[in-house]
Amino acid sequence: MPVTDLFYCRKELNNTATRSIQEEGITLVMERMAAGLSIRTCYLAERYPYRGEAYTFIVRGTGSEVDFMGKVTGESAGYRPPTVTDGQGDAYAPPFRIFPTREGEYIEVEIYRGQEKLCTVTQDSELQPLRAAAGKQTDIEIDFRKTEIRAFVKVLPWGEVEQETEM
């Protein structure tokens, strides 16, 4: 099941503080828990020719639930976002939401042609692990043009997506 927008806030009150509250208000500041992600490939069909079977992505590495303290927990989830293949044979997953990566963890992007797993990408072109930050939009572009697969990552404010398209 896809993650929708998810917010979390925690405010501890002790008994003595709550007894004296007459008409005062308490302000709660909500924090966005979901991470935004989009994925695009370049020159995918040149490396893995299109054979009429759809290309798909599966993103792994984040937890599967959030506990009452706002921490992502559970076993590793696998997200399969809707994926579009364009006329050049490149695959694109428009922005979708996932749980953010936990401290010290990273995401893996698996690319499939039909049921056949073609490759797994775990780091960007600077050898940094792929991460999905809470409250941010992460755009991943995977380039198959050269012998070595390169991934370029842009982390943007929530709701912004930057992708180069050819017209």
C-alpha atoms as a PDB file:
ATOM      1  CA  MET A   1       0.000   0.000   0.000  1.00  0.00           C
ATOM      2  CA  PRO A   2       1.475   3.403  -0.916  1.00  0.00           C
ATOM      3  CA  VAL A   3       2.286   5.930   1.791  1.00  0.00           C
ATOM      4  CA  THR A   4       0.062   9.001   1.722  1.00  0.00           C
ATOM      5  CA  ASP A   5       1.119  12.241   3.334  1.00  0.00           C
ATOM      6  CA  LEU A   6       1.872  11.557   6.972  1.00  0.00           C
ATOM      7  CA  PHE A   7       2.505  14.043   9.775  1.00  0.00           C
ATOM      8  CA  TYR A   8       3.687  13.574  13.348  1.00  0.00           C
ATOM      9  CA  CYS A   9       3.916  15.713  16.444  1.00  0.00           C
ATOM     10  CA  ARG A  10       4.670  15.013  20.080  1.00  0.00           C
ATOM     11  CA  LYS A  11       4.191  17.267  23.101  1.00  0.00           C
ATOM     12  CA  GLU A  12       4.726  15.995  26.628  1.00  0.00           C
ATOM     13  CA  LEU A  13       2.642  17.544  29.391  1.00  0.00           C
ATOM     14  CA  ASN A  14       3.037  16.810  33.062  1.00  0.00           C
ATOM     15  CA  ASN A  15       0.132  16.853  35.535  1.00  0.00           C
ATOM     16  CA  THR A  16       1.199  20.030  37.344  1.00  0.00           C
ATOM     17  CA  ALA A  17       1.443  21.947  34.082  1.00  0.00           C
ATOM     18  CA  THR A  18      -1.968  20.828  32.833  1.00  0.00           C
ATOM     19  CA  ARG A  19      -3.747  21.682  36.111  1.00  0.00           C
ATOM     20  CA  SER A  20      -2.772  25.328  35.846  1.00  0.00           C
ATOM     21  CA  ILE A  21      -3.862  25.721  32.229  1.00  0.00           C
ATOM     22  CA  GLN A  22      -7.015  27.767  32.191  1.00  0.00           C
ATOM     23  CA  GLU A  23      -7.480  29.315  28.803  1.00  0.00           C
ATOM     24  CA  GLU A  24      -3.977  29.019  27.444  1.00  0.00           C
ATOM     25  CA  GLY A  25      -3.485  27.262  24.167  1.00  0.00           C
ATOM     26  CA  ILE A  26      -0.839  24.724  23.327  1.00  0.00           C
ATOM     27  CA  THR A  27       0.785  24.970  19.922  1.00  0.00           C
ATOM     28  CA  LEU A  28       1.738  21.736  18.229  1.00  0.00           C
ATOM     29  CA  VAL A  29       4.178  21.895  15.333  1.00  0.00           C
ATOM     30  CA  MET A  30       3.569  19.080  12.871  1.00  0.00           C
ATOM     31  CA  GLU A  31       6.465  17.423  11.064  1.00  0.00           C
ATOM     32  CA  ARG A  32       6.074  15.713   7.692  1.00  0.00           C
ATOM     33  CA  MET A  33       7.035  12.032   7.988  1.00  0.00           C
ATOM     34  CA  ALA A  34       6.739  10.950   4.354  1.00  0.00           C
ATOM     35  CA  ALA A  35       9.557  11.257   1.814  1.00  0.00           C
ATOM     36  CA  GLY A  36       8.904  12.144  -1.828  1.00  0.00           C
ATOM     37  CA  LEU A  37      10.703  10.214  -4.557  1.00  0.00           C
ATOM     38  CA  SER A  38      10.750  10.197  -8.368  1.00  0.00           C
ATOM     39  CA  ILE A  39      12.910   8.066 -10.669  1.00  0.00           C
ATOM     40  CA  ARG A  40      13.934   8.503 -14.315  1.00  0.00           C
ATOM     41  CA  THR A  41      16.269   6.487 -16.527  1.00  0.00           C
ATOM     42  CA  CYS A  42      18.353   7.649 -19.484  1.00  0.00           C
ATOM     43  CA  TYR A  43      19.442   5.262 -22.266  1.00  0.00           C
ATOM     44  CA  LEU A  44      17.870   2.271 -20.497  1.00  0.00           C
ATOM     45  CA  ALA A  45      16.760   0.602 -23.765  1.00  0.00           C
ATOM     46  CA  GLU A  46      20.276   0.870 -25.187  1.00  0.00           C
ATOM     47  CA  ARG A  47      21.630  -1.224 -22.304  1.00  0.00           C
ATOM     48  CA  TYR A  48      18.571  -3.457 -21.840  1.00  0.00           C
ATOM     49  CA  PRO A  49      16.585  -3.492 -25.131  1.00  0.00           C
ATOM     50  CA  TYR A  50      12.839  -3.075 -24.902  1.00  0.00           C
ATOM     51  CA  ARG A  51      11.090  -6.369 -25.744  1.00  0.00           C
ATOM     52  CA  GLY A  52       7.482  -5.369 -25.280  1.00  0.00           C
ATOM     53  CA  GLU A  53       7.560  -6.082 -21.532  1.00  0.00           C
ATOM     54  CA  ALA A  54       7.090  -3.111 -19.241  1.00  0.00           C
ATOM     55  CA  TYR A  55       9.994  -1.728 -17.235  1.00  0.00           C
ATOM     56  CA  THR A  56       9.225  -1.323 -13.534  1.00  0.00           C
ATOM     57  CA  PHE A  57      10.996  -0.103 -10.416  1.00  0.00           C
ATOM     58  CA  ILE A  58      10.940  -1.567  -6.924  1.00  0.00           C
ATOM     59  CA  VAL A  59      12.333   0.626  -4.155  1.00  0.00           C
ATOM     60  CA  ARG A  60      13.510  -1.184  -1.027  1.00  0.00           C
ATOM     61  CA  GLY A  61      15.212  -0.169   2.200  1.00  0.00           C
ATOM     62  CA  THR A  62      12.705   1.744   4.300  1.00  0.00           C
ATOM     63  CA  GLY A  63      10.604   0.398   7.138  1.00  0.00           C
ATOM     64  CA  SER A  64       7.020  -0.746   6.778  1.00  0.00           C
ATOM     65  CA  GLU A  65       5.337   1.081   9.685  1.00  0.00           C
ATOM     66  CA  VAL A  66       5.576   4.028  12.080  1.00  0.00           C
ATOM     67  CA  ASP A  67       5.326   3.519  15.849  1.00  0.00           C
ATOM     68  CA  PHE A  68       3.584   5.827  18.333  1.00  0.00           C
ATOM     69  CA  MET A  69       6.837   7.727  18.918  1.00  0.00           C
ATOM     70  CA  GLY A  70       7.075   8.681  15.230  1.00  0.00           C
ATOM     71  CA  LYS A  71       9.916   6.268  14.431  1.00  0.00           C
ATOM     72  CA  VAL A  72       9.924   4.251  11.201  1.00  0.00           C
ATOM     73  CA  THR A  73      10.069   0.575  12.159  1.00  0.00           C
ATOM     74  CA  GLY A  74       9.219  -2.833  10.770  1.00  0.00           C
ATOM     75  CA  GLU A  75      10.758  -4.962   8.089  1.00  0.00           C
ATOM     76  CA  SER A  76      12.051  -3.522   4.842  1.00  0.00           C
ATOM     77  CA  ALA A  77       9.196  -2.492   2.562  1.00  0.00           C
ATOM     78  CA  GLY A  78       9.174  -2.796  -1.226  1.00  0.00           C
ATOM     79  CA  TYR A  79       7.460   0.011  -3.155  1.00  0.00           C
ATOM     80  CA  ARG A  80       6.437  -0.519  -6.781  1.00  0.00           C
ATOM     81  CA  PRO A  81       5.432   2.911  -8.107  1.00  0.00           C
ATOM     82  CA  PRO A  82       3.497   3.286 -11.362  1.00  0.00           C
ATOM     83  CA  THR A  83       6.114   3.405 -14.136  1.00  0.00           C
ATOM     84  CA  VAL A  84       5.792   4.832 -17.646  1.00  0.00           C
ATOM     85  CA  THR A  85       8.035   3.835 -20.576  1.00  0.00           C
ATOM     86  CA  ASP A  86       8.494   6.582 -23.174  1.00  0.00           C
ATOM     87  CA  GLY A  87       9.115   6.313 -26.923  1.00  0.00           C
ATOM     88  CA  GLN A  88      12.907   6.082 -26.458  1.00  0.00           C
ATOM     89  CA  GLY A  89      12.557   3.148 -24.055  1.00  0.00           C
ATOM     90  CA  ASP A  90      13.317   5.116 -20.898  1.00  0.00           C
ATOM     91  CA  ALA A  91      11.317   4.484 -17.738  1.00  0.00           C
ATOM     92  CA  TYR A  92       9.896   7.159 -15.446  1.00  0.00           C
ATOM     93  CA  ALA A  93       8.135   6.951 -12.067  1.00  0.00           C
ATOM     94  CA  PRO A  94       6.353  10.249 -11.291  1.00  0.00           C
ATOM     95  CA  PRO A  95       6.621  11.550  -7.707  1.00  0.00           C
ATOM     96  CA  PHE A  96       5.387   9.089  -5.079  1.00  0.00           C
ATOM     97  CA  ARG A  97       5.723   8.862  -1.315  1.00  0.00           C
ATOM     98  CA  ILE A  98       7.567   6.379   0.856  1.00  0.00           C
ATOM     99  CA  PHE A  99       8.655   6.184   4.475  1.00  0.00           C
ATOM    100  CA  PRO A 100      11.986   7.968   4.913  1.00  0.00           C
ATOM    101  CA  THR A 101      15.225   6.051   5.331  1.00  0.00           C
ATOM    102  CA  ARG A 102      16.330   5.529   8.904  1.00  0.00           C
ATOM    103  CA  GLU A 103      19.690   6.669  10.252  1.00  0.00           C
ATOM    104  CA  GLY A 104      22.500   4.654   8.666  1.00  0.00           C
ATOM    105  CA  GLU A 105      20.207   3.004   6.102  1.00  0.00           C
ATOM    106  CA  TYR A 106      19.751   3.566   2.390  1.00  0.00           C
ATOM    107  CA  ILE A 107      17.338   2.702  -0.382  1.00  0.00           C
ATOM    108  CA  GLU A 108      17.864   0.358  -3.311  1.00  0.00           C
ATOM    109  CA  VAL A 109      16.253   0.914  -6.709  1.00  0.00           C
ATOM    110  CA  GLU A 110      15.702  -2.362  -8.562  1.00  0.00           C
ATOM    111  CA  ILE A 111      14.883  -2.152 -12.277  1.00  0.00           C
ATOM    112  CA  TYR A 112      12.879  -4.931 -13.936  1.00  0.00           C
ATOM    113  CA  ARG A 113      11.869  -5.768 -17.518  1.00  0.00           C
ATOM    114  CA  GLY A 114       8.776  -7.874 -17.016  1.00  0.00           C
ATOM    115  CA  GLN A 115       9.761 -10.364 -14.291  1.00  0.00           C
ATOM    116  CA  GLU A 116      13.496 -10.169 -15.097  1.00  0.00           C
ATOM    117  CA  LYS A 117      15.604  -8.129 -12.674  1.00  0.00           C
ATOM    118  CA  LEU A 118      18.022  -6.041 -14.754  1.00  0.00           C
ATOM    119  CA  CYS A 119      20.026  -4.215 -12.078  1.00  0.00           C
ATOM    120  CA  THR A 120      20.019  -2.680  -8.600  1.00  0.00           C
ATOM    121  CA  VAL A 121      21.239   0.858  -7.907  1.00  0.00           C
ATOM    122  CA  THR A 122      22.269   1.672  -4.313  1.00  0.00           C
ATOM    123  CA  GLN A 123      24.508   4.740  -4.636  1.00  0.00           C
ATOM    124  CA  ASP A 124      24.830   7.912  -6.641  1.00  0.00           C
ATOM    125  CA  SER A 125      27.654   8.930  -8.986  1.00  0.00           C
ATOM    126  CA  GLU A 126      29.607  10.301  -5.998  1.00  0.00           C
ATOM    127  CA  LEU A 127      29.410   6.868  -4.304  1.00  0.00           C
ATOM    128  CA  GLN A 128      26.988   8.125  -1.651  1.00  0.00           C
ATOM    129  CA  PRO A 129      24.148   5.777  -0.614  1.00  0.00           C
ATOM    130  CA  LEU A 130      20.696   6.638  -1.938  1.00  0.00           C
ATOM    131  CA  ARG A 131      18.535   8.100   0.813  1.00  0.00           C
ATOM    132  CA  ALA A 132      14.991   9.417   1.084  1.00  0.00           C
ATOM    133  CA  ALA A 133      14.712  12.315   3.552  1.00  0.00           C
ATOM    134  CA  ALA A 134      11.499  13.031   5.446  1.00  0.00           C
ATOM    135  CA  GLY A 135       9.729  16.149   4.188  1.00  0.00           C
ATOM    136  CA  LYS A 136      11.914  16.405   1.065  1.00  0.00           C
ATOM    137  CA  GLN A 137      11.490  15.480  -2.594  1.00  0.00           C
ATOM    138  CA  THR A 138      14.326  13.302  -3.941  1.00  0.00           C
ATOM    139  CA  ASP A 139      14.700  12.961  -7.717  1.00  0.00           C
ATOM    140  CA  ILE A 140      16.893  10.106  -8.949  1.00  0.00           C
ATOM    141  CA  GLU A 141      18.134   9.972 -12.547  1.00  0.00           C
ATOM    142  CA  ILE A 142      19.848   6.713 -13.552  1.00  0.00           C
ATOM    143  CA  ASP A 143      22.073   7.050 -16.615  1.00  0.00           C
ATOM    144  CA  PHE A 144      23.020   3.945 -18.650  1.00  0.00           C
ATOM    145  CA  ARG A 145      24.958   5.845 -21.327  1.00  0.00           C
ATOM    146  CA  LYS A 146      28.431   4.774 -20.131  1.00  0.00           C
ATOM    147  CA  THR A 147      29.795   1.375 -19.119  1.00  0.00           C
ATOM    148  CA  GLU A 148      29.376   2.246 -15.448  1.00  0.00           C
ATOM    149  CA  ILE A 149      25.799   2.988 -14.392  1.00  0.00           C
ATOM    150  CA  ARG A 150      25.609   6.467 -12.878  1.00  0.00           C
ATOM    151  CA  ALA A 151      22.874   7.858 -10.645  1.00  0.00           C
ATOM    152  CA  PHE A 152      22.344  11.568 -10.089  1.00  0.00           C
ATOM    153  CA  VAL A 153      20.345  12.710  -7.072  1.00  0.00           C
ATOM    154  CA  LYS A 154      18.679  16.057  -6.378  1.00  0.00           C
ATOM    155  CA  VAL A 155      17.028  16.747  -3.034  1.00  0.00           C
ATOM    156  CA  LEU A 156      14.459  19.525  -3.319  1.00  0.00           C
ATOM    157  CA  PRO A 157      11.882  21.197  -1.071  1.00  0.00           C
ATOM    158  CA  TRP A 158       8.625  19.279  -0.771  1.00  0.00           C
ATOM    159  CA  GLY A 159       6.441  19.420  -3.864  1.00  0.00           C
ATOM    160  CA  GLU A 160       9.151  20.542  -6.298  1.00  0.00           C
ATOM    161  CA  VAL A 161      10.280  18.151  -9.023  1.00  0.00           C
ATOM    162  CA  GLU A 162      13.140  18.917 -11.395  1.00  0.00           C
ATOM    163  CA  GLN A 163      13.535  16.719 -14.415  1.00  0.00           C
ATOM    164  CA  GLU A 164      15.055  17.419 -17.796  1.00  0.00           C
ATOM    165  CA  THR A 165      12.836  16.404 -20.661  1.00  0.00           C
ATOM    166  CA  GLU A 166      13.508  16.473 -24.377  1.00  0.00           C
ATOM    167  CA  MET A 167      10.831  17.963 -26.591  1.00  0.00           C
END
